[in-house]
Protein backbone atom coordinates (compact mmCIF):
# COMPACT_ATOMS: atom_id res chain seq x y z
CA UNK A 1 0.34 -0.02 0.24
CA UNK A 2 2.84 2.30 0.78
CA UNK A 3 4.68 1.94 -2.69
CA UNK A 4 1.09 2.59 -4.11
CA UNK A 5 1.10 5.62 -2.26
CA UNK A 6 3.99 6.37 -3.23
CA UNK A 7 3.76 5.73 -6.89
CA UNK A 8 0.82 7.36 -6.87
CA UNK A 9 2.01 10.76 -5.43
CA UNK A 10 4.61 10.74 -8.46
CA UNK A 11 2.72 10.60 -10.72
CA UNK A 12 0.41 13.85 -9.23
CA UNK A 13 4.02 15.10 -9.38
CA UNK A 14 4.67 14.26 -13.09
CA UNK A 15 1.03 15.52 -13.70
CA UNK A 16 0.97 18.29 -12.27
CA UNK A 17 4.75 19.31 -13.59
CA UNK A 18 2.81 18.50 -17.22
CA UNK A 19 0.49 20.67 -16.66
CA UNK A 20 2.72 23.58 -15.87
CA UNK A 21 4.83 23.10 -18.65
CA UNK A 22 1.07 23.26 -20.96
CA UNK A 23 0.46 26.04 -19.20
CA UNK A 24 3.81 27.98 -19.52
CA UNK A 25 3.65 27.09 -23.20
CA UNK A 26 1.13 28.44 -24.29
CA UNK A 27 1.83 31.77 -22.89
CA UNK A 28 4.32 31.80 -25.77
CA UNK A 29 4.04 32.14 -29.61
CA UNK A 30 6.82 29.62 -31.01
CA UNK A 31 9.19 31.33 -33.36
CA UNK A 32 12.17 28.74 -35.34
CA UNK A 33 15.30 30.53 -36.18
CA UNK A 34 17.58 27.76 -38.56
CA UNK A 35 20.88 29.31 -39.24
CA UNK A 36 24.17 29.24 -40.08
CA UNK A 37 26.21 29.67 -36.41
CA UNK A 38 29.03 27.33 -37.45
CA UNK A 39 30.47 27.01 -40.16
CA UNK A 40 31.44 28.29 -43.71
CA UNK A 41 28.71 30.62 -43.47
CA UNK A 42 28.88 31.99 -39.23
CA UNK A 43 30.27 35.13 -41.05
CA UNK A 44 26.67 35.66 -42.37
CA UNK A 45 24.21 33.27 -39.84
CA UNK A 46 25.45 35.33 -36.47
CA UNK A 47 24.23 38.65 -37.15
CA UNK A 48 21.49 37.97 -38.66
CA UNK A 49 20.31 35.71 -35.17
CA UNK A 50 21.22 38.84 -32.90
CA UNK A 51 18.79 41.44 -35.24
CA UNK A 52 16.29 38.53 -34.29
CA UNK A 53 17.33 38.16 -31.34
CA UNK A 54 17.10 42.20 -30.77
CA UNK A 55 13.07 42.56 -32.56
CA UNK A 56 11.99 39.72 -30.56
CA UNK A 57 13.27 41.76 -27.31
CA UNK A 58 11.50 44.70 -28.64
CA UNK A 59 8.37 43.20 -29.10
CA UNK A 60 8.02 41.08 -25.59
CA UNK A 61 9.24 44.32 -23.87
CA UNK A 62 6.46 45.50 -25.30
CA UNK A 63 3.91 43.42 -23.95
CA UNK A 64 4.36 41.01 -27.67
CA UNK A 65 2.22 39.98 -29.27
CA UNK A 66 -1.70 38.79 -29.14
CA UNK A 67 -1.43 38.30 -25.02
CA UNK A 68 1.74 36.51 -25.18
CA UNK A 69 5.60 37.00 -25.55
CA UNK A 70 7.88 35.18 -28.37
CA UNK A 71 10.22 32.43 -27.65
CA UNK A 72 12.81 31.48 -30.55
CA UNK A 73 13.91 28.41 -31.11
CA UNK A 74 17.24 28.39 -32.44
CA UNK A 75 18.97 25.48 -34.38
CA UNK A 76 22.93 26.07 -35.55
CA UNK A 77 22.69 24.26 -39.27
CA UNK A 78 26.36 24.28 -39.27
CA UNK A 79 26.25 25.74 -42.97
CA UNK A 80 25.17 22.46 -44.12
CA UNK A 81 22.40 21.52 -46.43
CA UNK A 82 20.91 18.79 -44.88
CA UNK A 83 21.79 19.80 -41.28
CA UNK A 84 19.25 23.18 -42.42
CA UNK A 85 16.71 20.32 -43.50
CA UNK A 86 17.30 18.15 -40.35
CA UNK A 87 16.48 21.48 -38.22
CA UNK A 88 13.33 22.07 -40.37
CA UNK A 89 11.89 19.48 -39.89
CA UNK A 90 12.25 19.78 -36.11
CA UNK A 91 11.05 22.65 -35.82
CA UNK A 92 7.83 22.30 -38.11
CA UNK A 93 6.80 18.35 -35.99
CA UNK A 94 8.56 18.81 -32.73
CA UNK A 95 8.72 22.36 -31.59
CA UNK A 96 5.68 22.97 -33.74
CA UNK A 97 6.42 26.53 -34.54
CA UNK A 98 4.65 29.23 -36.01
CA UNK A 99 7.30 30.43 -38.89
CA UNK A 100 11.32 29.60 -38.98
CA UNK A 101 13.49 32.03 -39.85
CA UNK A 102 16.72 31.28 -41.69
CA UNK A 103 18.73 30.69 -43.41
CA UNK A 104 21.27 33.01 -44.65
CA UNK A 105 21.86 31.44 -47.33
CA UNK A 106 20.33 30.84 -50.75
CA UNK A 107 21.15 27.29 -50.81
CA UNK A 108 20.01 25.99 -47.63
CA UNK A 109 17.10 27.71 -47.26
CA UNK A 110 16.07 25.71 -50.53
CA UNK A 111 16.93 22.90 -48.75
CA UNK A 112 14.36 23.63 -46.67
CA UNK A 113 11.86 24.19 -49.02
CA UNK A 114 10.11 20.52 -48.91
CA UNK A 115 9.58 20.89 -45.43
CA UNK A 116 7.75 23.77 -45.51
CA UNK A 117 5.45 22.17 -48.26
CA UNK A 118 4.80 19.34 -46.46
CA UNK A 119 4.13 20.64 -42.65
CA UNK A 120 2.62 23.98 -44.15
CA UNK A 121 4.92 26.45 -41.98
CA UNK A 122 6.19 29.50 -44.13
CA UNK A 123 10.10 30.13 -43.87
CA UNK A 124 11.51 33.23 -44.22
CA UNK A 125 14.72 34.22 -45.33
CA UNK A 126 16.19 37.40 -44.15
CA UNK A 127 19.21 37.26 -46.96
CA UNK A 128 18.26 33.97 -49.69
CA UNK A 129 18.83 36.40 -52.26
CA UNK A 130 18.78 33.47 -55.14
CA UNK A 131 15.46 33.84 -57.73
CA UNK A 132 15.00 29.98 -56.68
CA UNK A 133 14.44 30.34 -52.99
CA UNK A 134 10.80 31.33 -53.74
CA UNK A 135 10.43 30.58 -57.32
CA UNK A 136 10.84 26.54 -58.84
CA UNK A 137 12.66 25.92 -61.98
CA UNK A 138 9.33 25.29 -63.84
CA UNK A 139 8.53 29.13 -62.64
CA UNK A 140 5.95 28.01 -59.92
CA UNK A 141 5.62 29.64 -57.13
CA UNK A 142 6.59 28.06 -53.80
CA UNK A 143 3.52 28.94 -51.06
CA UNK A 144 5.29 28.35 -48.33
CA UNK A 145 8.45 30.59 -49.07
CA UNK A 146 9.57 34.47 -48.49
CA UNK A 147 12.65 36.80 -48.25
CA UNK A 148 13.24 40.45 -46.88
CA UNK A 149 16.05 40.81 -49.20
CA UNK A 150 15.69 41.85 -53.50
CA UNK A 151 16.47 39.13 -55.32
CA UNK A 152 20.24 38.68 -57.04
CA UNK A 153 18.31 39.81 -60.72
CA UNK A 154 17.34 43.26 -59.13
CA UNK A 155 20.82 43.75 -57.79
CA UNK A 156 22.90 42.18 -60.94
CA UNK A 157 20.71 44.90 -62.76
CA UNK A 158 21.41 47.22 -60.49
CA UNK A 159 25.29 47.28 -60.44
CA UNK A 160 25.37 47.26 -63.86
CA UNK A 161 23.25 50.28 -64.28
CA UNK A 162 25.68 51.75 -61.36
CA UNK A 163 29.05 50.73 -63.55
CA UNK A 164 27.35 52.10 -66.79
CA UNK A 165 26.10 55.54 -65.40
CA UNK A 166 27.84 56.74 -62.42
CA UNK A 167 31.34 54.81 -63.24
CA UNK A 168 30.54 55.54 -67.07
CA UNK A 169 32.40 52.25 -67.44
CA UNK A 170 31.76 50.96 -71.09
CA UNK A 171 34.32 47.71 -70.90
CA UNK A 172 34.11 45.26 -68.03
CA UNK A 173 36.40 42.78 -66.70
CA UNK A 174 33.80 39.84 -64.84
CA UNK A 175 35.52 37.27 -61.85
CA UNK A 176 33.18 34.50 -59.99
CA UNK A 177 33.36 30.81 -59.26
CA UNK A 178 32.01 28.21 -61.14
CA UNK A 179 30.75 26.20 -58.24
CA UNK A 180 28.85 29.05 -56.43
CA UNK A 181 25.18 29.39 -57.64
CA UNK A 182 25.42 33.01 -56.42
CA UNK A 183 28.01 33.82 -58.52
CA UNK A 184 27.08 31.90 -61.65
CA UNK A 185 23.82 34.04 -61.19
CA UNK A 186 25.20 37.52 -60.92
CA UNK A 187 27.41 36.97 -63.86
CA UNK A 188 24.84 36.29 -65.81
CA UNK A 189 22.21 39.18 -64.93
CA UNK A 190 25.01 41.75 -64.52
CA UNK A 191 27.01 40.88 -68.14
CA UNK A 192 23.37 40.79 -69.71
CA UNK A 193 22.35 44.59 -68.50
CA UNK A 194 25.85 45.55 -69.25
CA UNK A 195 26.07 44.64 -72.41
CA UNK A 196 22.08 46.10 -73.11
CA UNK A 197 23.91 49.61 -71.45
CA UNK A 198 25.25 49.62 -74.80
CA UNK A 199 29.10 48.21 -72.71
CA UNK A 200 30.62 45.15 -73.55
CA UNK A 201 32.51 42.74 -71.01
CA UNK A 202 36.01 42.21 -72.41
CA UNK A 203 36.73 39.54 -70.19
CA UNK A 204 35.01 36.99 -67.90
CA UNK A 205 37.61 34.69 -65.76
CA UNK A 206 36.71 32.23 -62.88
CA UNK A 207 38.35 30.26 -59.61
CA UNK A 208 37.64 27.04 -58.32
CA UNK A 209 35.78 27.39 -54.15
CA UNK A 210 38.91 26.95 -52.38
CA UNK A 211 41.11 28.68 -54.52
CA UNK A 212 43.36 31.75 -52.29
CA UNK A 213 45.43 32.70 -55.22
CA UNK A 214 44.30 34.52 -57.11
CA UNK A 215 47.31 36.21 -58.59
CA UNK A 216 47.20 34.10 -62.06
CA UNK A 217 44.04 35.00 -62.99
CA UNK A 218 44.28 38.49 -61.91
CA UNK A 219 46.71 39.20 -64.68
CA UNK A 220 45.15 38.17 -67.28
CA UNK A 221 42.28 40.15 -66.46
CA UNK A 222 45.14 43.08 -66.47
CA UNK A 223 45.53 42.81 -70.07
CA UNK A 224 42.73 43.40 -70.89
CA UNK A 225 41.41 47.14 -71.56
CA UNK A 226 38.51 46.92 -68.86
CA UNK A 227 37.62 50.26 -67.08
CA UNK A 228 35.56 48.15 -64.12
CA UNK A 229 35.44 44.65 -62.91
CA UNK A 230 32.87 43.06 -61.46
CA UNK A 231 33.35 40.37 -58.34
CA UNK A 232 30.13 38.76 -57.56
CA UNK A 233 31.76 37.03 -54.45
CA UNK A 234 30.82 36.30 -50.33
CA UNK A 235 33.40 39.14 -48.56
CA UNK A 236 36.17 36.61 -47.62
CA UNK A 237 37.02 35.45 -51.32
CA UNK A 238 36.24 39.23 -52.45
CA UNK A 239 38.55 40.46 -49.86
CA UNK A 240 41.49 38.27 -51.03
CA UNK A 241 40.64 39.25 -54.48
CA UNK A 242 40.66 42.84 -54.00
CA UNK A 243 44.09 42.64 -52.12
CA UNK A 244 45.61 41.09 -54.98
CA UNK A 245 44.41 43.20 -57.77
CA UNK A 246 45.61 46.26 -55.66
CA UNK A 247 48.79 44.81 -55.10
CA UNK A 248 49.73 44.54 -58.71
CA UNK A 249 48.63 47.20 -58.92
CA UNK A 250 45.27 47.54 -61.05
CA UNK A 251 43.69 50.30 -59.24
CA UNK A 252 40.17 49.93 -61.39
CA UNK A 253 36.62 50.17 -60.17
CA UNK A 254 36.10 46.86 -58.40
CA UNK A 255 32.35 46.22 -57.97
CA UNK A 256 30.17 43.31 -56.02
CA UNK A 257 27.18 42.42 -54.43
CA UNK A 258 25.57 42.12 -50.82
CA UNK A 259 28.08 39.42 -50.05
CA UNK A 260 30.45 41.61 -50.22
CA UNK A 261 28.41 43.89 -46.74
CA UNK A 262 30.87 41.87 -43.70
CA UNK A 263 33.22 43.04 -41.54
CA UNK A 264 35.64 40.50 -42.80
CA UNK A 265 35.78 42.31 -46.36
CA UNK A 266 38.00 45.06 -44.33
CA UNK A 267 40.18 42.51 -42.25
CA UNK A 268 40.77 40.16 -45.30
CA UNK A 269 41.32 42.92 -47.69
CA UNK A 270 42.90 45.80 -45.27
CA UNK A 271 41.61 49.78 -45.30
CA UNK A 272 44.68 50.48 -47.78
CA UNK A 273 43.32 48.64 -50.44
CA UNK A 274 39.66 49.39 -50.14
CA UNK A 275 38.79 52.25 -52.32
CA UNK A 276 37.49 52.82 -55.26
CA UNK A 277 35.58 49.80 -54.47
CA UNK A 278 31.34 49.49 -54.74
CA UNK A 279 28.47 47.08 -53.41
CA UNK A 280 25.41 47.02 -53.05
CA UNK A 281 22.93 45.89 -50.24
CA UNK A 282 19.83 46.15 -47.86
CA UNK A 283 20.68 48.72 -45.80
CA UNK A 284 22.72 51.55 -44.05
CA UNK A 285 23.79 53.60 -41.39
CA UNK A 286 23.73 56.43 -43.43
CA UNK A 287 20.47 56.64 -43.54
CA UNK A 288 18.80 59.46 -41.92
CA UNK A 289 16.07 57.63 -40.72
CA UNK A 290 15.52 58.03 -37.03
CA UNK A 291 14.14 54.51 -36.87
CA UNK A 292 17.32 53.26 -38.64
CA UNK A 293 19.59 55.25 -35.44
CA UNK A 294 17.46 53.51 -33.00
CA UNK A 295 17.74 50.59 -34.59
CA UNK A 296 21.93 51.28 -34.63
CA UNK A 297 21.84 52.21 -30.78
CA UNK A 298 20.02 49.02 -29.45
CA UNK A 299 21.69 46.49 -31.29
CA UNK A 300 25.33 47.58 -30.42
CA UNK A 301 24.36 47.65 -26.64
CA UNK A 302 23.17 43.81 -27.43
CA UNK A 303 25.67 42.51 -30.44
CA UNK A 304 28.46 44.91 -28.84
CA UNK A 305 29.47 45.31 -32.53
CA UNK A 306 28.18 47.24 -35.19
CA UNK A 307 25.36 46.45 -37.24
CA UNK A 308 25.52 44.83 -41.07
CA UNK A 309 22.50 44.95 -43.52
CA UNK A 310 22.21 41.46 -42.30
CA UNK A 311 22.13 42.01 -38.58
CA UNK A 312 19.26 44.77 -40.21
CA UNK A 313 17.99 41.84 -42.68
CA UNK A 314 17.03 39.37 -39.27
CA UNK A 315 15.68 42.22 -37.75
CA UNK A 316 12.80 43.19 -40.66
CA UNK A 317 12.35 39.69 -40.90
CA UNK A 318 11.27 39.47 -37.76
CA UNK A 319 9.06 42.18 -37.39
CA UNK A 320 7.82 41.24 -40.78
CA UNK A 321 6.44 38.02 -39.09
CA UNK A 322 5.51 39.60 -35.60
CA UNK A 323 3.27 42.31 -37.93
CA UNK A 324 1.71 39.11 -39.78
CA UNK A 325 0.85 37.49 -36.91
CA UNK A 326 -1.06 40.25 -35.61
CA UNK A 327 -2.57 41.10 -38.65
CA UNK A 328 -3.96 37.57 -39.32
CA UNK A 329 -5.01 37.43 -35.42
CA UNK A 330 -3.91 34.09 -34.77
CA UNK A 331 -1.25 31.15 -34.63
CA UNK A 332 -2.86 29.22 -37.37
CA UNK A 333 0.27 28.92 -40.30
CA UNK A 334 -1.87 28.78 -43.08
CA UNK A 335 -3.68 32.16 -41.84
CA UNK A 336 -0.30 33.33 -40.53
CA UNK A 337 1.74 32.24 -44.46
CA UNK A 338 -1.74 34.23 -45.96
CA UNK A 339 -0.91 37.55 -43.57
CA UNK A 340 3.22 37.60 -44.93
CA UNK A 341 1.86 37.29 -47.81
CA UNK A 342 -0.74 40.07 -48.29
CA UNK A 343 1.69 42.65 -46.49
CA UNK A 344 1.86 45.73 -48.08
CA UNK A 345 3.88 48.88 -47.00
CA UNK A 346 5.23 47.16 -44.11
CA UNK A 347 7.95 49.49 -42.99
CA UNK A 348 11.47 48.54 -41.89
CA UNK A 349 15.03 49.56 -41.58
CA UNK A 350 15.67 47.73 -44.61
CA UNK A 351 12.42 50.27 -46.29
CA UNK A 352 9.31 49.29 -47.06
CA UNK A 353 8.17 45.94 -48.52
CA UNK A 354 5.26 44.87 -50.05
CA UNK A 355 5.13 41.47 -51.74
CA UNK A 356 4.68 40.54 -55.02
CA UNK A 357 3.55 37.30 -56.89
CA UNK A 358 6.44 35.24 -56.62
CA UNK A 359 7.42 36.02 -52.53
CA UNK A 360 9.98 38.75 -53.58
CA UNK A 361 9.48 42.29 -51.58
CA UNK A 362 9.40 45.21 -53.75
CA UNK A 363 12.36 47.40 -52.14
CA UNK A 364 14.39 49.45 -53.08
CA UNK A 365 18.30 48.72 -53.10
CA UNK A 366 21.62 50.58 -51.81
CA UNK A 367 24.65 51.18 -53.30
CA UNK A 368 28.10 51.49 -50.59
CA UNK A 369 31.02 52.98 -51.88
CA UNK A 370 34.35 52.76 -49.51
CA UNK A 371 37.14 54.82 -48.90
CA UNK A 372 40.02 53.41 -47.06
CA UNK A 373 37.55 50.83 -45.50
CA UNK A 374 34.98 52.96 -44.44
CA UNK A 375 31.45 53.01 -45.30
CA UNK A 376 31.39 57.06 -47.11
CA UNK A 377 28.21 57.16 -49.45
CA UNK A 378 25.56 55.58 -50.29
CA UNK A 379 23.70 55.59 -53.16
CA UNK A 380 20.09 54.20 -52.71
CA UNK A 381 18.10 52.82 -56.15
CA UNK A 382 14.76 51.89 -56.18
CA UNK A 383 13.09 49.42 -58.27
C-alpha cells in the first residue's frame, strides 16, 4: 500500500509538472530560427541571429503579440544543407513553430523548402537572394517560402546600371566562382544588363571555390582594357581578390553584390586596398531615418558590435512575421502565411516591403562606396 501511495504521489507530481509546462507553453508563440551559426557561413548567420533577437526583445518588452510573448527556438545548421533540412523538420514537427526564420544563404534556405510545403509552415529568409528560393525552375511559386531581401536579378541589374552610369564604364571584366550558384546567377545578370546598356564584357574568368591565390587570373584580366571589375562573391573571397588586385597595381573600380557587406571584407582586404570599391546592399547606417539610428544604438548595446545589412534584414524578418501574426489575429500557420503574402508597405529599417506574386519584396537597394575601408557614401536605387 505504501508503495502504491508513493507511485500515486509521484504520478500527481509528474502530471502537475506536465500541466504547468503546457500552461507555460501556451503563453508563448514559438518562432523557429535556422541559421549558419558555425561553419563556412558563420559570418552571415550570426549577425542575423542578433537582429532577430533584438526584434524579439523589443516586441516582448512592448507586451508581445496576441497577449503572448515570443519564444525563439534557435538551431545551428552548421552551414550544411542536410543540417538545415533536419533543423527545419524538427522545428515544424517537434517544436511546432508558427514560422521559421533562415537560413542566411540561398542554398540552405532552398534545402528547407520540402519541409515548408509538407508541413505548411512559412519560411522567411532574411538574406537568401537567389530567385530559386521562392520560385521553382518550372516557374511555379513555392507557397510557403518568403524573403526580406531583394533578389539577385535586381542587384545584378543595379550594379550593371551603376557601373554604366555612375562609374561611366563601357568595358567590364568579370571574375566569379564556377561552383557558386550565387556567383553564376549574378554574373549572367550583370553581363546581360551591362551589354544592354551598350557596354562590353571584355573578359570573364572563373576560379574554384577553395582558391586563395588569384594573381594569375588577375594578371590575365589586367591585360585587357577593362574599366571596371565585377566580382560576384562573398566577403572572404572578395577581400582576397581586392587585396591581390591592388597589390598587383590594378586600381580600376571594383563592384560587387551584398556578399561584400561583412566586416571580414575589411579584415581580409585591408583598409588601404578598399578604395574605389562599390557594392549593393539592403541597408545603410548613413540613412537619416530616426528608426535606423535607434536600431543601430539598440543593436550595439545587445551585440557589442556595429550592425550590418544582415543584422537589419534579420531584424526586419522578425518584425515582418510578428506583423503578420498580428494581422492574422492567429497563430494558425496557414493564416500567418496568408498574412505574410498580403504584406503591403511594411516599414522596416531596410526599407518598405510589399510582396509581389513571386513572394519577393519590392524594395529599394543601396550602393555603398568604400574609402579606406569606410562606408563613405550611399546611393539609394529604387526598383
